[in-house]
Every structure is written in structure tokens, then in C-alpha cells.
Amino acid sequence: MKVKYIGKREIDTPNSYKIFMDVIPNKIYEVLSIERGFYRTVDESEEDYLYPPEKFEIIENTPPEKNFEFVR
């Protein structure tokens, strides 16, 4: 599954700090798996992390190889 990041690169926090995301707006990323409703993808840090799906637009809707749904 391929998705395009549509969120912002920097996020303001309530404490006036800025958080810089390791994903680039409008860049296409491969979803490795879906876990607890989040997309696992390799970001610019070259590590894989979970990201909320509402920050992405689906470009190619082929299912990822792994689809983990954990129930707690």
C-alpha cells in the first residue's frame, strides 16, 4: 500500500515547542503494516514508526504484506 503524507512537517505544541516530523509533506511512503489502526512506514530517519492514517492519502490501495490488529 502506498500513501502520501498530507500532514505538516512541524507541529506546534501547547508549551510553544515545535516538533519536527521525520516525514515530508507530499512524499509517497510504503506502508509496511497496519497495527492498531496506524500505518507502519519507514520515515526519513530510516527507521519504521507508526503514524495516524488521517495524515496520509492513499495512492495505491494494495494491502500491506502484514496486517496486525491487536486487541487490548
PDB file of N, CA and C in Angstrom:
ATOM      1  N   MET A   1       0.856  -1.171   0.000  1.00  0.00           N
ATOM      2  CA  MET A   1       0.000   0.000   0.000  1.00  0.00           C
ATOM      3  C   MET A   1       0.901   1.232   0.000  1.00  0.00           C
ATOM      4  N   LYS A   2       0.602   2.172  -0.876  1.00  0.00           N
ATOM      5  CA  LYS A   2       1.378   3.406  -0.945  1.00  0.00           C
ATOM      6  C   LYS A   2       0.502   4.572  -0.517  1.00  0.00           C
ATOM      7  N   VAL A   3       1.089   5.446   0.288  1.00  0.00           N
ATOM      8  CA  VAL A   3       0.364   6.598   0.814  1.00  0.00           C
ATOM      9  C   VAL A   3       1.210   7.853   0.670  1.00  0.00           C
ATOM     10  N   LYS A   4       0.528   8.995   0.581  1.00  0.00           N
ATOM     11  CA  LYS A   4       1.213  10.290   0.511  1.00  0.00           C
ATOM     12  C   LYS A   4       0.955  11.036   1.811  1.00  0.00           C
ATOM     13  N   TYR A   5       2.023  11.536   2.430  1.00  0.00           N
ATOM     14  CA  TYR A   5       1.879  12.271   3.685  1.00  0.00           C
ATOM     15  C   TYR A   5       1.274  13.643   3.396  1.00  0.00           C
ATOM     16  N   ILE A   6       0.160  13.961   4.032  1.00  0.00           N
ATOM     17  CA  ILE A   6      -0.520  15.233   3.804  1.00  0.00           C
ATOM     18  C   ILE A   6      -0.501  16.121   5.054  1.00  0.00           C
ATOM     19  N   GLY A   7       0.215  15.674   6.088  1.00  0.00           N
ATOM     20  CA  GLY A   7       0.324  16.459   7.314  1.00  0.00           C
ATOM     21  C   GLY A   7       1.413  17.510   7.189  1.00  0.00           C
ATOM     22  N   LYS A   8       1.688  18.161   8.292  1.00  0.00           N
ATOM     23  CA  LYS A   8       2.718  19.203   8.340  1.00  0.00           C
ATOM     24  C   LYS A   8       4.047  18.610   8.798  1.00  0.00           C
ATOM     25  N   ARG A   9       5.132  19.270   8.434  1.00  0.00           N
ATOM     26  CA  ARG A   9       6.469  18.821   8.846  1.00  0.00           C
ATOM     27  C   ARG A   9       6.754  19.237  10.291  1.00  0.00           C
ATOM     28  N   GLU A  10       6.237  20.395  10.686  1.00  0.00           N
ATOM     29  CA  GLU A  10       6.432  20.829  12.069  1.00  0.00           C
ATOM     30  C   GLU A  10       5.091  21.044  12.738  1.00  0.00           C
ATOM     31  N   ILE A  11       5.036  20.682  14.004  1.00  0.00           N
ATOM     32  CA  ILE A  11       3.797  20.749  14.772  1.00  0.00           C
ATOM     33  C   ILE A  11       4.035  21.598  16.012  1.00  0.00           C
ATOM     34  N   ASP A  12       3.141  22.537  16.264  1.00  0.00           N
ATOM     35  CA  ASP A  12       3.211  23.343  17.484  1.00  0.00           C
ATOM     36  C   ASP A  12       2.579  22.570  18.631  1.00  0.00           C
ATOM     37  N   THR A  13       3.192  22.661  19.803  1.00  0.00           N
ATOM     38  CA  THR A  13       2.646  22.015  20.990  1.00  0.00           C
ATOM     39  C   THR A  13       2.056  23.082  21.909  1.00  0.00           C
ATOM     40  N   PRO A  14       1.248  22.683  22.878  1.00  0.00           N
ATOM     41  CA  PRO A  14       0.674  23.656  23.820  1.00  0.00           C
ATOM     42  C   PRO A  14       1.747  24.421  24.613  1.00  0.00           C
ATOM     43  N   ASN A  15       2.944  23.859  24.746  1.00  0.00           N
ATOM     44  CA  ASN A  15       4.023  24.504  25.500  1.00  0.00           C
ATOM     45  C   ASN A  15       4.888  25.401  24.632  1.00  0.00           C
ATOM     46  N   SER A  16       4.418  25.746  23.421  1.00  0.00           N
ATOM     47  CA  SER A  16       5.145  26.587  22.464  1.00  0.00           C
ATOM     48  C   SER A  16       6.414  25.941  21.921  1.00  0.00           C
ATOM     49  N   TYR A  17       6.515  24.634  22.042  1.00  0.00           N
ATOM     50  CA  TYR A  17       7.626  23.906  21.424  1.00  0.00           C
ATOM     51  C   TYR A  17       7.185  23.465  20.042  1.00  0.00           C
ATOM     52  N   LYS A  18       8.152  23.286  19.172  1.00  0.00           N
ATOM     53  CA  LYS A  18       7.863  22.753  17.848  1.00  0.00           C
ATOM     54  C   LYS A  18       8.435  21.346  17.758  1.00  0.00           C
ATOM     55  N   ILE A  19       7.646  20.451  17.221  1.00  0.00           N
ATOM     56  CA  ILE A  19       8.082  19.082  16.974  1.00  0.00           C
ATOM     57  C   ILE A  19       8.235  18.942  15.461  1.00  0.00           C
ATOM     58  N   PHE A  20       9.384  18.460  15.032  1.00  0.00           N
ATOM     59  CA  PHE A  20       9.627  18.257  13.607  1.00  0.00           C
ATOM     60  C   PHE A  20       9.445  16.784  13.275  1.00  0.00           C
ATOM     61  N   MET A  21       8.564  16.515  12.352  1.00  0.00           N
ATOM     62  CA  MET A  21       8.259  15.151  11.949  1.00  0.00           C
ATOM     63  C   MET A  21       9.316  14.656  10.971  1.00  0.00           C
ATOM     64  N   ASP A  22       9.561  13.357  10.984  1.00  0.00           N
ATOM     65  CA  ASP A  22      10.508  12.744  10.058  1.00  0.00           C
ATOM     66  C   ASP A  22       9.817  12.210   8.808  1.00  0.00           C
ATOM     67  N   VAL A  23       8.719  12.851   8.444  1.00  0.00           N
ATOM     68  CA  VAL A  23       8.044  12.567   7.182  1.00  0.00           C
ATOM     69  C   VAL A  23       7.911  13.883   6.424  1.00  0.00           C
ATOM     70  N   ILE A  24       7.945  13.815   5.119  1.00  0.00           N
ATOM     71  CA  ILE A  24       7.946  15.009   4.281  1.00  0.00           C
ATOM     72  C   ILE A  24       6.584  15.153   3.607  1.00  0.00           C
ATOM     73  N   PRO A  25       5.958  16.340   3.704  1.00  0.00           N
ATOM     74  CA  PRO A  25       4.672  16.544   3.041  1.00  0.00           C
ATOM     75  C   PRO A  25       4.767  16.246   1.542  1.00  0.00           C
ATOM     76  N   ASN A  26       3.738  15.585   1.036  1.00  0.00           N
ATOM     77  CA  ASN A  26       3.578  15.207  -0.363  1.00  0.00           C
ATOM     78  C   ASN A  26       4.509  14.093  -0.828  1.00  0.00           C
ATOM     79  N   LYS A  27       5.307  13.531   0.063  1.00  0.00           N
ATOM     80  CA  LYS A  27       6.157  12.404  -0.310  1.00  0.00           C
ATOM     81  C   LYS A  27       5.371  11.113  -0.160  1.00  0.00           C
ATOM     82  N   ILE A  28       5.632  10.165  -1.049  1.00  0.00           N
ATOM     83  CA  ILE A  28       4.936   8.878  -1.030  1.00  0.00           C
ATOM     84  C   ILE A  28       5.759   7.876  -0.229  1.00  0.00           C
ATOM     85  N   TYR A  29       5.067   7.171   0.667  1.00  0.00           N
ATOM     86  CA  TYR A  29       5.686   6.178   1.545  1.00  0.00           C
ATOM     87  C   TYR A  29       4.991   4.833   1.361  1.00  0.00           C
ATOM     88  N   GLU A  30       5.733   3.767   1.567  1.00  0.00           N
ATOM     89  CA  GLU A  30       5.198   2.409   1.522  1.00  0.00           C
ATOM     90  C   GLU A  30       4.740   2.015   2.925  1.00  0.00           C
ATOM     91  N   VAL A  31       3.509   1.542   3.054  1.00  0.00           N
ATOM     92  CA  VAL A  31       3.002   1.063   4.339  1.00  0.00           C
ATOM     93  C   VAL A  31       3.452  -0.385   4.496  1.00  0.00           C
ATOM     94  N   LEU A  32       4.220  -0.650   5.549  1.00  0.00           N
ATOM     95  CA  LEU A  32       4.722  -1.991   5.808  1.00  0.00           C
ATOM     96  C   LEU A  32       3.663  -2.873   6.446  1.00  0.00           C
ATOM     97  N   SER A  33       2.877  -2.263   7.348  1.00  0.00           N
ATOM     98  CA  SER A  33       1.816  -2.996   8.034  1.00  0.00           C
ATOM     99  C   SER A  33       0.839  -1.990   8.624  1.00  0.00           C
ATOM    100  N   ILE A  34      -0.308  -2.492   9.031  1.00  0.00           N
ATOM    101  CA  ILE A  34      -1.300  -1.691   9.748  1.00  0.00           C
ATOM    102  C   ILE A  34      -1.442  -2.326  11.120  1.00  0.00           C
ATOM    103  N   GLU A  35      -1.118  -1.541  12.142  1.00  0.00           N
ATOM    104  CA  GLU A  35      -1.122  -2.048  13.512  1.00  0.00           C
ATOM    105  C   GLU A  35      -1.964  -1.142  14.395  1.00  0.00           C
ATOM    106  N   ARG A  36      -2.962  -1.727  15.044  1.00  0.00           N
ATOM    107  CA  ARG A  36      -3.867  -0.975  15.920  1.00  0.00           C
ATOM    108  C   ARG A  36      -4.448   0.245  15.203  1.00  0.00           C
ATOM    109  N   GLY A  37      -4.648   0.120  13.887  1.00  0.00           N
ATOM    110  CA  GLY A  37      -5.232   1.197  13.103  1.00  0.00           C
ATOM    111  C   GLY A  37      -4.238   2.212  12.588  1.00  0.00           C
ATOM    112  N   PHE A  38      -2.959   2.065  12.908  1.00  0.00           N
ATOM    113  CA  PHE A  38      -1.922   3.001  12.469  1.00  0.00           C
ATOM    114  C   PHE A  38      -1.103   2.399  11.350  1.00  0.00           C
ATOM    115  N   TYR A  39      -0.538   3.255  10.494  1.00  0.00           N
ATOM    116  CA  TYR A  39       0.319   2.804   9.397  1.00  0.00           C
ATOM    117  C   TYR A  39       1.764   2.736   9.872  1.00  0.00           C
ATOM    118  N   ARG A  40       2.400   1.600   9.655  1.00  0.00           N
ATOM    119  CA  ARG A  40       3.836   1.481   9.936  1.00  0.00           C
ATOM    120  C   ARG A  40       4.576   1.723   8.634  1.00  0.00           C
ATOM    121  N   THR A  41       5.440   2.734   8.638  1.00  0.00           N
ATOM    122  CA  THR A  41       6.203   3.084   7.449  1.00  0.00           C
ATOM    123  C   THR A  41       7.597   3.534   7.843  1.00  0.00           C
ATOM    124  N   VAL A  42       8.533   3.424   6.928  1.00  0.00           N
ATOM    125  CA  VAL A  42       9.905   3.886   7.159  1.00  0.00           C
ATOM    126  C   VAL A  42       9.944   5.358   6.786  1.00  0.00           C
ATOM    127  N   ASP A  43      10.350   6.201   7.760  1.00  0.00           N
ATOM    128  CA  ASP A  43      10.385   7.640   7.514  1.00  0.00           C
ATOM    129  C   ASP A  43      11.807   8.084   7.147  1.00  0.00           C
ATOM    130  N   GLU A  44      12.043   9.381   7.167  1.00  0.00           N
ATOM    131  CA  GLU A  44      13.333   9.942   6.760  1.00  0.00           C
ATOM    132  C   GLU A  44      14.464   9.611   7.721  1.00  0.00           C
ATOM    133  N   SER A  45      14.147   9.156   8.919  1.00  0.00           N
ATOM    134  CA  SER A  45      15.187   8.728   9.861  1.00  0.00           C
ATOM    135  C   SER A  45      15.678   7.315   9.514  1.00  0.00           C
ATOM    136  N   GLU A  46      15.040   6.716   8.502  1.00  0.00           N
ATOM    137  CA  GLU A  46      15.330   5.356   8.044  1.00  0.00           C
ATOM    138  C   GLU A  46      14.954   4.289   9.071  1.00  0.00           C
ATOM    139  N   GLU A  47      14.067   4.661   9.987  1.00  0.00           N
ATOM    140  CA  GLU A  47      13.502   3.733  10.967  1.00  0.00           C
ATOM    141  C   GLU A  47      12.006   3.618  10.683  1.00  0.00           C
ATOM    142  N   ASP A  48      11.403   2.522  11.101  1.00  0.00           N
ATOM    143  CA  ASP A  48       9.965   2.378  10.896  1.00  0.00           C
ATOM    144  C   ASP A  48       9.218   2.808  12.153  1.00  0.00           C
ATOM    145  N   TYR A  49       8.135   3.562  11.938  1.00  0.00           N
ATOM    146  CA  TYR A  49       7.308   4.074  13.028  1.00  0.00           C
ATOM    147  C   TYR A  49       5.839   3.969  12.642  1.00  0.00           C
ATOM    148  N   LEU A  50       4.984   4.067  13.647  1.00  0.00           N
ATOM    149  CA  LEU A  50       3.542   4.087  13.414  1.00  0.00           C
ATOM    150  C   LEU A  50       3.067   5.530  13.276  1.00  0.00           C
ATOM    151  N   TYR A  51       2.231   5.760  12.276  1.00  0.00           N
ATOM    152  CA  TYR A  51       1.675   7.091  12.032  1.00  0.00           C
ATOM    153  C   TYR A  51       0.163   6.984  11.881  1.00  0.00           C
ATOM    154  N   PRO A  52      -0.567   8.040  12.278  1.00  0.00           N
ATOM    155  CA  PRO A  52      -2.025   8.005  12.147  1.00  0.00           C
ATOM    156  C   PRO A  52      -2.444   8.084  10.682  1.00  0.00           C
ATOM    157  N   PRO A  53      -3.401   7.266  10.261  1.00  0.00           N
ATOM    158  CA  PRO A  53      -3.789   7.230   8.847  1.00  0.00           C
ATOM    159  C   PRO A  53      -4.424   8.516   8.336  1.00  0.00           C
ATOM    160  N   GLU A  54      -4.992   9.329   9.222  1.00  0.00           N
ATOM    161  CA  GLU A  54      -5.623  10.567   8.753  1.00  0.00           C
ATOM    162  C   GLU A  54      -4.604  11.584   8.241  1.00  0.00           C
ATOM    163  N   LYS A  55      -3.326  11.337   8.471  1.00  0.00           N
ATOM    164  CA  LYS A  55      -2.271  12.223   7.975  1.00  0.00           C
ATOM    165  C   LYS A  55      -1.763  11.792   6.599  1.00  0.00           C
ATOM    166  N   PHE A  56      -2.419  10.798   5.999  1.00  0.00           N
ATOM    167  CA  PHE A  56      -1.987  10.264   4.714  1.00  0.00           C
ATOM    168  C   PHE A  56      -3.159  10.156   3.747  1.00  0.00           C
ATOM    169  N   GLU A  57      -2.846  10.245   2.473  1.00  0.00           N
ATOM    170  CA  GLU A  57      -3.799   9.997   1.397  1.00  0.00           C
ATOM    171  C   GLU A  57      -3.354   8.704   0.716  1.00  0.00           C
ATOM    172  N   ILE A  58      -4.273   7.787   0.512  1.00  0.00           N
ATOM    173  CA  ILE A  58      -3.932   6.521  -0.127  1.00  0.00           C
ATOM    174  C   ILE A  58      -3.709   6.759  -1.615  1.00  0.00           C
ATOM    175  N   ILE A  59      -2.551   6.323  -2.099  1.00  0.00           N
ATOM    176  CA  ILE A  59      -2.192   6.460  -3.511  1.00  0.00           C
ATOM    177  C   ILE A  59      -2.421   5.145  -4.247  1.00  0.00           C
ATOM    178  N   GLU A  60      -1.998   4.053  -3.631  1.00  0.00           N
ATOM    179  CA  GLU A  60      -2.176   2.716  -4.208  1.00  0.00           C
ATOM    180  C   GLU A  60      -2.716   1.810  -3.117  1.00  0.00           C
ATOM    181  N   ASN A  61      -3.892   1.282  -3.311  1.00  0.00           N
ATOM    182  CA  ASN A  61      -4.580   0.560  -2.242  1.00  0.00           C
ATOM    183  C   ASN A  61      -4.375  -0.952  -2.323  1.00  0.00           C
ATOM    184  N   THR A  62      -3.129  -1.373  -2.460  1.00  0.00           N
ATOM    185  CA  THR A  62      -2.845  -2.798  -2.355  1.00  0.00           C
ATOM    186  C   THR A  62      -2.555  -3.077  -0.891  1.00  0.00           C
ATOM    187  N   PRO A  63      -3.085  -4.135  -0.321  1.00  0.00           N
ATOM    188  CA  PRO A  63      -2.880  -4.378   1.106  1.00  0.00           C
ATOM    189  C   PRO A  63      -1.404  -4.606   1.433  1.00  0.00           C
ATOM    190  N   PRO A  64      -0.950  -4.094   2.594  1.00  0.00           N
ATOM    191  CA  PRO A  64       0.410  -4.384   3.022  1.00  0.00           C
ATOM    192  C   PRO A  64       0.573  -5.870   3.281  1.00  0.00           C
ATOM    193  N   GLU A  65       1.820  -6.329   3.267  1.00  0.00           N
ATOM    194  CA  GLU A  65       2.073  -7.754   3.485  1.00  0.00           C
ATOM    195  C   GLU A  65       1.602  -8.215   4.853  1.00  0.00           C
ATOM    196  N   LYS A  66       1.723  -7.353   5.858  1.00  0.00           N
ATOM    197  CA  LYS A  66       1.326  -7.698   7.214  1.00  0.00           C
ATOM    198  C   LYS A  66       0.202  -6.784   7.636  1.00  0.00           C
ATOM    199  N   ASN A  67      -0.777  -7.334   8.317  1.00  0.00           N
ATOM    200  CA  ASN A  67      -1.880  -6.529   8.848  1.00  0.00           C
ATOM    201  C   ASN A  67      -2.132  -6.998  10.266  1.00  0.00           C
ATOM    202  N   PHE A  68      -1.518  -6.306  11.212  1.00  0.00           N
ATOM    203  CA  PHE A  68      -1.645  -6.673  12.620  1.00  0.00           C
ATOM    204  C   PHE A  68      -2.736  -5.847  13.266  1.00  0.00           C
ATOM    205  N   GLU A  69      -3.648  -6.488  13.895  1.00  0.00           N
ATOM    206  CA  GLU A  69      -4.677  -5.808  14.673  1.00  0.00           C
ATOM    207  C   GLU A  69      -4.625  -6.378  16.077  1.00  0.00           C
ATOM    208  N   PHE A  70      -4.114  -5.620  17.014  1.00  0.00           N
ATOM    209  CA  PHE A  70      -4.002  -6.082  18.382  1.00  0.00           C
ATOM    210  C   PHE A  70      -5.215  -5.618  19.175  1.00  0.00           C
ATOM    211  N   VAL A  71      -5.783  -6.485  19.919  1.00  0.00           N
ATOM    212  CA  VAL A  71      -6.934  -6.158  20.764  1.00  0.00           C
ATOM    213  C   VAL A  71      -6.443  -6.160  22.200  1.00  0.00           C
ATOM    214  N   ARG A  72      -6.710  -5.056  22.898  1.00  0.00           N
ATOM    215  CA  ARG A  72      -6.296  -4.953  24.304  1.00  0.00           C
ATOM    216  C   ARG A  72      -7.494  -4.764  25.177  1.00  0.00           C
TER     217      ARG A  72
END
